[in-house]
Amino acid sequence: MGRYRFSPAPGAPAGSSVLVGHVDATGRGRGPLAALADLREGDRVVVGRRDGTTASSRVTARRMIAKDALAASGVFRPEGSPVLTPITCAGRYLRDEGGYQNDLVVTAVEAPR
């Protein structure tokens, strides 16, 4: 799992902090973001930061976006209200068409403890 390098860090004062990771991998089982499928509106998401602190957020939305529409979906934004945006593969897996056809995009807003 990692943060999209052009997005702000989790807990930044503005923009969409995008975290990406696999839902699963052949021979390795469930990936680091497989649990995104279980998140629902209101659930808490806590992200550890390099300095040892955490950023806490609450889920406000989740949606499926076709892989070829993700770039234009507005999830990659460096400005505006701060949100945490974890993304993983989802939907149908079609090996001959490049794998998963969609991405699960979760949006969470800051929710200090």
N, C-alpha and C. Protein backbone atom coordinates (compact mmCIF):
# COMPACT_ATOMS: atom_id res chain seq x y z
N MET A 1 0.85 -1.17 0.00
CA MET A 1 0.00 0.00 0.00
C MET A 1 0.90 1.23 0.00
N GLY A 2 0.40 2.28 -0.60
CA GLY A 2 1.17 3.52 -0.61
C GLY A 2 0.30 4.72 -0.90
N ARG A 3 0.89 5.88 -0.70
CA ARG A 3 0.18 7.12 -0.99
C ARG A 3 0.56 7.58 -2.38
N TYR A 4 -0.43 8.02 -3.14
CA TYR A 4 -0.18 8.59 -4.45
C TYR A 4 0.75 9.78 -4.25
N ARG A 5 1.87 9.78 -4.92
CA ARG A 5 2.95 10.73 -4.63
C ARG A 5 2.60 12.20 -4.86
N PHE A 6 1.60 12.50 -5.65
CA PHE A 6 1.22 13.89 -5.88
C PHE A 6 0.08 14.35 -4.97
N SER A 7 -0.34 13.49 -4.06
CA SER A 7 -1.42 13.87 -3.15
C SER A 7 -0.84 14.29 -1.80
N PRO A 8 -1.59 15.10 -1.06
CA PRO A 8 -1.12 15.50 0.27
C PRO A 8 -1.13 14.29 1.22
N ALA A 9 -0.36 14.40 2.29
CA ALA A 9 -0.31 13.34 3.29
C ALA A 9 -1.62 13.28 4.07
N PRO A 10 -1.97 12.12 4.63
CA PRO A 10 -3.16 12.04 5.48
C PRO A 10 -3.10 13.05 6.61
N GLY A 11 -4.21 13.76 6.82
CA GLY A 11 -4.28 14.77 7.85
C GLY A 11 -3.85 16.16 7.39
N ALA A 12 -3.47 16.29 6.11
CA ALA A 12 -3.09 17.60 5.58
C ALA A 12 -4.30 18.54 5.62
N PRO A 13 -4.07 19.85 5.65
CA PRO A 13 -5.18 20.80 5.78
C PRO A 13 -6.04 20.97 4.53
N ALA A 14 -5.60 20.44 3.38
CA ALA A 14 -6.39 20.57 2.15
C ALA A 14 -6.06 19.44 1.19
N GLY A 15 -7.01 19.15 0.31
CA GLY A 15 -6.80 18.18 -0.75
C GLY A 15 -7.18 16.76 -0.39
N SER A 16 -7.09 15.90 -1.40
CA SER A 16 -7.45 14.50 -1.27
C SER A 16 -6.18 13.66 -1.09
N SER A 17 -6.03 13.07 0.08
CA SER A 17 -4.90 12.20 0.36
C SER A 17 -5.27 10.81 -0.15
N VAL A 18 -4.67 10.42 -1.27
CA VAL A 18 -5.04 9.18 -1.95
C VAL A 18 -4.09 8.06 -1.54
N LEU A 19 -4.67 7.01 -0.98
CA LEU A 19 -3.93 5.80 -0.64
C LEU A 19 -4.37 4.70 -1.59
N VAL A 20 -3.42 3.97 -2.14
CA VAL A 20 -3.74 2.91 -3.10
C VAL A 20 -3.08 1.60 -2.68
N GLY A 21 -3.76 0.51 -2.97
CA GLY A 21 -3.22 -0.81 -2.65
C GLY A 21 -4.06 -1.90 -3.26
N HIS A 22 -3.46 -3.06 -3.40
CA HIS A 22 -4.15 -4.19 -4.01
C HIS A 22 -5.21 -4.78 -3.09
N VAL A 23 -6.25 -5.31 -3.70
CA VAL A 23 -7.28 -6.02 -2.96
C VAL A 23 -6.83 -7.46 -2.71
N ASP A 24 -6.08 -8.01 -3.66
CA ASP A 24 -5.52 -9.36 -3.51
C ASP A 24 -4.41 -9.54 -4.54
N ALA A 25 -3.71 -10.66 -4.42
CA ALA A 25 -2.64 -10.96 -5.36
C ALA A 25 -2.50 -12.48 -5.48
N THR A 26 -2.31 -12.95 -6.68
CA THR A 26 -2.14 -14.37 -6.91
C THR A 26 -0.99 -14.90 -6.06
N GLY A 27 -1.27 -15.95 -5.31
CA GLY A 27 -0.25 -16.56 -4.47
C GLY A 27 0.00 -15.87 -3.15
N ARG A 28 -0.61 -14.71 -2.95
CA ARG A 28 -0.40 -13.95 -1.70
C ARG A 28 -1.68 -13.74 -0.91
N GLY A 29 -2.82 -14.03 -1.49
CA GLY A 29 -4.08 -13.85 -0.78
C GLY A 29 -4.55 -12.41 -0.74
N ARG A 30 -5.26 -12.07 0.34
CA ARG A 30 -5.83 -10.73 0.49
C ARG A 30 -4.74 -9.67 0.56
N GLY A 31 -5.02 -8.56 -0.10
CA GLY A 31 -4.07 -7.45 -0.13
C GLY A 31 -4.31 -6.48 1.01
N PRO A 32 -3.46 -5.45 1.11
CA PRO A 32 -3.54 -4.53 2.24
C PRO A 32 -4.82 -3.70 2.29
N LEU A 33 -5.52 -3.54 1.18
CA LEU A 33 -6.75 -2.76 1.20
C LEU A 33 -8.00 -3.60 0.96
N ALA A 34 -7.91 -4.89 1.16
CA ALA A 34 -9.07 -5.77 0.98
C ALA A 34 -10.22 -5.38 1.92
N ALA A 35 -9.91 -4.88 3.09
CA ALA A 35 -10.95 -4.52 4.07
C ALA A 35 -11.79 -3.31 3.65
N LEU A 36 -11.37 -2.60 2.60
CA LEU A 36 -12.19 -1.47 2.13
C LEU A 36 -13.60 -1.93 1.76
N ALA A 37 -13.71 -3.14 1.26
CA ALA A 37 -15.03 -3.66 0.85
C ALA A 37 -15.99 -3.74 2.03
N ASP A 38 -15.46 -3.83 3.24
CA ASP A 38 -16.30 -3.94 4.44
C ASP A 38 -16.67 -2.60 5.05
N LEU A 39 -16.01 -1.52 4.63
CA LEU A 39 -16.29 -0.20 5.21
C LEU A 39 -17.65 0.33 4.77
N ARG A 40 -18.32 0.98 5.70
CA ARG A 40 -19.61 1.60 5.42
C ARG A 40 -19.59 3.04 5.95
N GLU A 41 -20.54 3.83 5.52
CA GLU A 41 -20.65 5.21 5.96
C GLU A 41 -20.68 5.26 7.48
N GLY A 42 -19.88 6.15 8.05
CA GLY A 42 -19.79 6.30 9.49
C GLY A 42 -18.65 5.53 10.14
N ASP A 43 -18.09 4.55 9.45
CA ASP A 43 -16.97 3.78 10.00
C ASP A 43 -15.74 4.67 10.14
N ARG A 44 -14.93 4.39 11.14
CA ARG A 44 -13.70 5.15 11.39
C ARG A 44 -12.53 4.48 10.67
N VAL A 45 -11.67 5.34 10.10
CA VAL A 45 -10.44 4.90 9.44
C VAL A 45 -9.29 5.64 10.10
N VAL A 46 -8.30 4.89 10.57
CA VAL A 46 -7.13 5.50 11.22
C VAL A 46 -5.90 5.15 10.40
N VAL A 47 -5.13 6.17 10.05
CA VAL A 47 -3.92 5.98 9.24
C VAL A 47 -2.71 6.41 10.05
N GLY A 48 -1.73 5.51 10.14
CA GLY A 48 -0.48 5.85 10.81
C GLY A 48 0.39 6.71 9.90
N ARG A 49 1.05 7.70 10.48
CA ARG A 49 1.93 8.59 9.72
C ARG A 49 3.38 8.32 10.10
N ARG A 50 4.27 8.77 9.25
CA ARG A 50 5.71 8.53 9.47
C ARG A 50 6.22 9.05 10.80
N ASP A 51 5.62 10.14 11.29
CA ASP A 51 6.11 10.73 12.54
C ASP A 51 5.56 10.03 13.78
N GLY A 52 4.82 8.94 13.58
CA GLY A 52 4.28 8.17 14.69
C GLY A 52 2.89 8.58 15.13
N THR A 53 2.37 9.69 14.61
CA THR A 53 1.02 10.11 14.93
C THR A 53 0.03 9.42 13.99
N THR A 54 -1.24 9.64 14.23
CA THR A 54 -2.26 9.06 13.36
C THR A 54 -3.20 10.14 12.86
N ALA A 55 -3.84 9.86 11.73
CA ALA A 55 -4.90 10.71 11.19
C ALA A 55 -6.17 9.88 11.23
N SER A 56 -7.19 10.41 11.87
CA SER A 56 -8.45 9.69 12.04
C SER A 56 -9.54 10.32 11.19
N SER A 57 -10.28 9.48 10.47
CA SER A 57 -11.34 9.96 9.58
C SER A 57 -12.57 9.08 9.71
N ARG A 58 -13.71 9.61 9.25
CA ARG A 58 -14.96 8.84 9.18
C ARG A 58 -15.39 8.74 7.73
N VAL A 59 -15.83 7.55 7.34
CA VAL A 59 -16.27 7.30 5.97
C VAL A 59 -17.56 8.07 5.71
N THR A 60 -17.56 8.81 4.60
CA THR A 60 -18.76 9.55 4.19
C THR A 60 -19.35 9.02 2.90
N ALA A 61 -18.55 8.29 2.11
CA ALA A 61 -19.05 7.76 0.84
C ALA A 61 -18.15 6.63 0.35
N ARG A 62 -18.71 5.81 -0.50
CA ARG A 62 -17.96 4.78 -1.22
C ARG A 62 -18.62 4.60 -2.57
N ARG A 63 -17.79 4.40 -3.58
CA ARG A 63 -18.36 4.23 -4.92
C ARG A 63 -17.42 3.39 -5.77
N MET A 64 -18.01 2.76 -6.76
CA MET A 64 -17.26 1.99 -7.75
C MET A 64 -17.07 2.88 -8.96
N ILE A 65 -15.86 2.91 -9.47
CA ILE A 65 -15.54 3.70 -10.65
C ILE A 65 -14.81 2.80 -11.64
N ALA A 66 -15.21 2.84 -12.89
CA ALA A 66 -14.51 2.07 -13.92
C ALA A 66 -13.06 2.52 -13.96
N LYS A 67 -12.14 1.57 -14.09
CA LYS A 67 -10.71 1.90 -14.10
C LYS A 67 -10.38 3.00 -15.12
N ASP A 68 -11.00 2.92 -16.28
CA ASP A 68 -10.67 3.91 -17.32
C ASP A 68 -11.29 5.28 -17.03
N ALA A 69 -12.11 5.41 -16.00
CA ALA A 69 -12.72 6.69 -15.64
C ALA A 69 -12.13 7.28 -14.36
N LEU A 70 -11.23 6.56 -13.71
CA LEU A 70 -10.70 7.01 -12.42
C LEU A 70 -9.95 8.33 -12.53
N ALA A 71 -9.10 8.49 -13.51
CA ALA A 71 -8.28 9.72 -13.63
C ALA A 71 -9.14 10.97 -13.74
N ALA A 72 -10.29 10.87 -14.38
CA ALA A 72 -11.16 12.03 -14.58
C ALA A 72 -12.25 12.14 -13.50
N SER A 73 -12.20 11.29 -12.48
CA SER A 73 -13.28 11.23 -11.49
C SER A 73 -13.24 12.32 -10.43
N GLY A 74 -12.13 13.05 -10.33
CA GLY A 74 -12.02 14.10 -9.33
C GLY A 74 -11.41 13.64 -8.02
N VAL A 75 -11.02 12.38 -7.90
CA VAL A 75 -10.45 11.91 -6.64
C VAL A 75 -9.02 12.40 -6.42
N PHE A 76 -8.32 12.74 -7.49
CA PHE A 76 -6.94 13.21 -7.38
C PHE A 76 -6.93 14.73 -7.40
N ARG A 77 -7.07 15.35 -6.22
CA ARG A 77 -7.09 16.80 -6.18
C ARG A 77 -6.22 17.30 -5.03
N PRO A 78 -5.31 18.21 -5.32
CA PRO A 78 -4.40 18.71 -4.30
C PRO A 78 -4.98 19.83 -3.45
N GLU A 79 -6.15 20.34 -3.83
CA GLU A 79 -6.75 21.47 -3.12
C GLU A 79 -8.15 21.12 -2.67
N GLY A 80 -8.81 22.05 -2.00
CA GLY A 80 -10.18 21.85 -1.55
C GLY A 80 -10.22 21.23 -0.16
N SER A 81 -11.40 20.88 0.26
CA SER A 81 -11.59 20.29 1.59
C SER A 81 -10.72 19.06 1.77
N PRO A 82 -10.13 18.88 2.96
CA PRO A 82 -9.29 17.70 3.18
C PRO A 82 -10.13 16.43 3.30
N VAL A 83 -9.72 15.41 2.57
CA VAL A 83 -10.35 14.10 2.65
C VAL A 83 -9.29 13.02 2.52
N LEU A 84 -9.61 11.87 3.06
CA LEU A 84 -8.80 10.67 2.88
C LEU A 84 -9.50 9.84 1.83
N THR A 85 -8.75 9.38 0.82
CA THR A 85 -9.35 8.64 -0.29
C THR A 85 -8.59 7.35 -0.55
N PRO A 86 -8.91 6.27 0.18
CA PRO A 86 -8.30 4.98 -0.13
C PRO A 86 -8.98 4.35 -1.35
N ILE A 87 -8.17 3.72 -2.20
CA ILE A 87 -8.65 3.13 -3.45
C ILE A 87 -8.06 1.73 -3.61
N THR A 88 -8.89 0.78 -4.03
CA THR A 88 -8.41 -0.56 -4.35
C THR A 88 -9.21 -1.12 -5.51
N CYS A 89 -8.70 -2.18 -6.09
CA CYS A 89 -9.38 -2.85 -7.20
C CYS A 89 -10.68 -3.47 -6.72
N ALA A 90 -11.67 -3.55 -7.61
CA ALA A 90 -12.96 -4.12 -7.24
C ALA A 90 -13.70 -4.57 -8.50
N GLY A 91 -14.85 -5.16 -8.27
CA GLY A 91 -15.69 -5.59 -9.39
C GLY A 91 -15.22 -6.89 -10.00
N ARG A 92 -15.56 -7.07 -11.23
CA ARG A 92 -15.24 -8.32 -11.94
C ARG A 92 -13.75 -8.38 -12.28
N TYR A 93 -13.19 -9.56 -12.12
CA TYR A 93 -11.81 -9.79 -12.52
C TYR A 93 -11.84 -10.52 -13.85
N LEU A 94 -11.33 -9.87 -14.88
CA LEU A 94 -11.29 -10.45 -16.22
C LEU A 94 -9.84 -10.51 -16.67
N ARG A 95 -9.24 -11.67 -16.50
CA ARG A 95 -7.82 -11.83 -16.80
C ARG A 95 -7.45 -11.37 -18.20
N ASP A 96 -8.26 -11.75 -19.19
CA ASP A 96 -7.95 -11.39 -20.58
C ASP A 96 -8.16 -9.91 -20.89
N GLU A 97 -8.77 -9.17 -19.97
CA GLU A 97 -9.00 -7.75 -20.18
C GLU A 97 -8.22 -6.88 -19.19
N GLY A 98 -7.17 -7.46 -18.60
CA GLY A 98 -6.29 -6.67 -17.74
C GLY A 98 -6.57 -6.75 -16.25
N GLY A 99 -7.43 -7.63 -15.82
CA GLY A 99 -7.69 -7.79 -14.39
C GLY A 99 -8.99 -7.18 -13.95
N TYR A 100 -8.98 -6.57 -12.77
CA TYR A 100 -10.20 -5.95 -12.25
C TYR A 100 -10.61 -4.79 -13.15
N GLN A 101 -11.90 -4.66 -13.34
CA GLN A 101 -12.42 -3.65 -14.25
C GLN A 101 -12.82 -2.36 -13.57
N ASN A 102 -12.89 -2.37 -12.23
CA ASN A 102 -13.32 -1.20 -11.48
C ASN A 102 -12.39 -0.94 -10.30
N ASP A 103 -12.57 0.22 -9.70
CA ASP A 103 -11.90 0.56 -8.45
C ASP A 103 -12.96 0.91 -7.43
N LEU A 104 -12.74 0.50 -6.19
CA LEU A 104 -13.57 0.92 -5.08
C LEU A 104 -12.89 2.15 -4.48
N VAL A 105 -13.61 3.25 -4.43
CA VAL A 105 -13.10 4.52 -3.92
C VAL A 105 -13.89 4.87 -2.67
N VAL A 106 -13.18 5.01 -1.55
CA VAL A 106 -13.80 5.39 -0.29
C VAL A 106 -13.40 6.83 0.02
N THR A 107 -14.35 7.62 0.50
CA THR A 107 -14.07 8.99 0.89
C THR A 107 -14.34 9.11 2.39
N ALA A 108 -13.36 9.69 3.11
CA ALA A 108 -13.51 9.87 4.56
C ALA A 108 -13.05 11.28 4.94
N VAL A 109 -13.76 11.89 5.87
CA VAL A 109 -13.41 13.23 6.33
C VAL A 109 -12.80 13.15 7.72
N GLU A 110 -11.98 14.15 8.05
CA GLU A 110 -11.31 14.16 9.34
C GLU A 110 -12.30 14.04 10.48
N ALA A 111 -11.96 13.20 11.43
CA ALA A 111 -12.80 12.99 12.61
C ALA A 111 -11.88 12.74 13.81
N PRO A 112 -11.34 13.81 14.38
CA PRO A 112 -10.43 13.65 15.51
C PRO A 112 -11.09 12.85 16.63
N ARG A 113 -10.27 12.13 17.34
CA ARG A 113 -10.81 11.30 18.44
C ARG A 113 -11.28 12.13 19.59
